[in-house]
Amino acid sequence: MNSLEKHSDTAALIGRLFFSSMLLLFGYGKLTGYAGTVSYMGSLGLPAPALFTVLAIIIEIGAGLLVVREEFKSY
């Protein structure tokens, strides 16, 4: 067990980088394809698709940046 513990920080860093890159890429995709995302969310029946698209972009990009900065820590 001791040999695994010395790699835990590196594994956590790699996991954070992969997870944050996923969030950032999805948020960036929504940002660059804004009109398509709004029309897709409108086809789902959301009452305000433009508002929900902006919220999704803010949440995904913001969460991606916070994960990189280690703001979401489990204690």
Protein backbone atom coordinates (compact mmCIF):
# COMPACT_ATOMS: atom_id res chain seq x y z
CA MET A 1 0.00 0.00 0.00
CA ASN A 2 2.89 2.35 0.73
CA SER A 3 4.12 2.25 -2.88
CA LEU A 4 0.70 3.43 -4.13
CA GLU A 5 0.52 6.35 -1.72
CA LYS A 6 3.57 8.06 -3.17
CA HIS A 7 1.81 8.37 -6.54
CA SER A 8 -1.49 9.70 -5.20
CA ASP A 9 -0.65 13.37 -5.78
CA THR A 10 0.42 12.70 -9.36
CA ALA A 11 -2.69 10.65 -10.03
CA ALA A 12 -4.90 13.38 -8.58
CA LEU A 13 -3.21 15.98 -10.78
CA ILE A 14 -3.67 13.88 -13.91
CA GLY A 15 -7.32 13.24 -13.02
CA ARG A 16 -7.95 16.94 -12.40
CA LEU A 17 -6.35 17.86 -15.72
CA PHE A 18 -8.41 15.34 -17.67
CA PHE A 19 -11.66 16.30 -15.93
CA SER A 20 -11.08 20.04 -16.27
CA SER A 21 -10.09 19.70 -19.93
CA MET A 22 -13.35 17.84 -20.58
CA LEU A 23 -15.39 20.61 -18.94
CA LEU A 24 -13.46 23.35 -20.73
CA LEU A 25 -13.80 21.66 -24.14
CA PHE A 26 -17.54 21.11 -23.74
CA GLY A 27 -18.01 24.71 -22.60
CA TYR A 28 -15.91 26.00 -25.48
CA GLY A 29 -17.91 23.88 -27.92
CA LYS A 30 -21.13 25.41 -26.65
CA LEU A 31 -19.60 28.88 -26.89
CA THR A 32 -18.39 28.50 -30.48
CA GLY A 33 -21.56 26.74 -31.61
CA TYR A 34 -23.88 29.01 -29.67
CA ALA A 35 -26.70 29.16 -32.25
CA GLY A 36 -26.73 25.39 -32.69
CA THR A 37 -26.76 24.82 -28.94
CA VAL A 38 -29.62 27.26 -28.46
CA SER A 39 -31.66 25.59 -31.19
CA TYR A 40 -30.94 22.14 -29.73
CA MET A 41 -32.01 23.21 -26.25
CA GLY A 42 -35.09 24.83 -27.77
CA SER A 43 -35.98 21.55 -29.47
CA LEU A 44 -35.90 19.90 -26.05
CA GLY A 45 -38.69 22.20 -24.93
CA LEU A 46 -36.80 24.45 -22.54
CA PRO A 47 -38.65 27.72 -21.91
CA ALA A 48 -35.63 30.01 -22.32
CA PRO A 49 -33.00 28.15 -24.36
CA ALA A 50 -30.67 31.15 -24.75
CA LEU A 51 -30.58 31.67 -20.99
CA PHE A 52 -29.92 28.01 -20.27
CA THR A 53 -27.19 27.90 -22.91
CA VAL A 54 -25.42 30.86 -21.30
CA LEU A 55 -25.77 29.23 -17.88
CA ALA A 56 -24.36 25.95 -19.18
CA ILE A 57 -21.39 27.75 -20.75
CA ILE A 58 -20.66 29.68 -17.55
CA ILE A 59 -20.97 26.58 -15.38
CA GLU A 60 -18.83 24.35 -17.59
CA ILE A 61 -16.03 26.85 -18.18
CA GLY A 62 -16.15 28.11 -14.59
CA ALA A 63 -16.10 24.62 -13.11
CA GLY A 64 -13.26 23.61 -15.42
CA LEU A 65 -11.18 26.54 -14.25
CA LEU A 66 -12.01 25.89 -10.60
CA VAL A 67 -11.02 22.24 -10.87
CA VAL A 68 -7.66 23.26 -12.31
CA ARG A 69 -7.18 25.68 -9.41
CA GLU A 70 -8.10 22.90 -6.94
CA GLU A 71 -11.10 24.77 -5.55
CA PHE A 72 -13.19 21.57 -5.44
CA LYS A 73 -11.33 19.51 -2.87
CA SER A 74 -12.66 16.54 -1.00
CA TYR A 75 -11.64 16.48 2.62
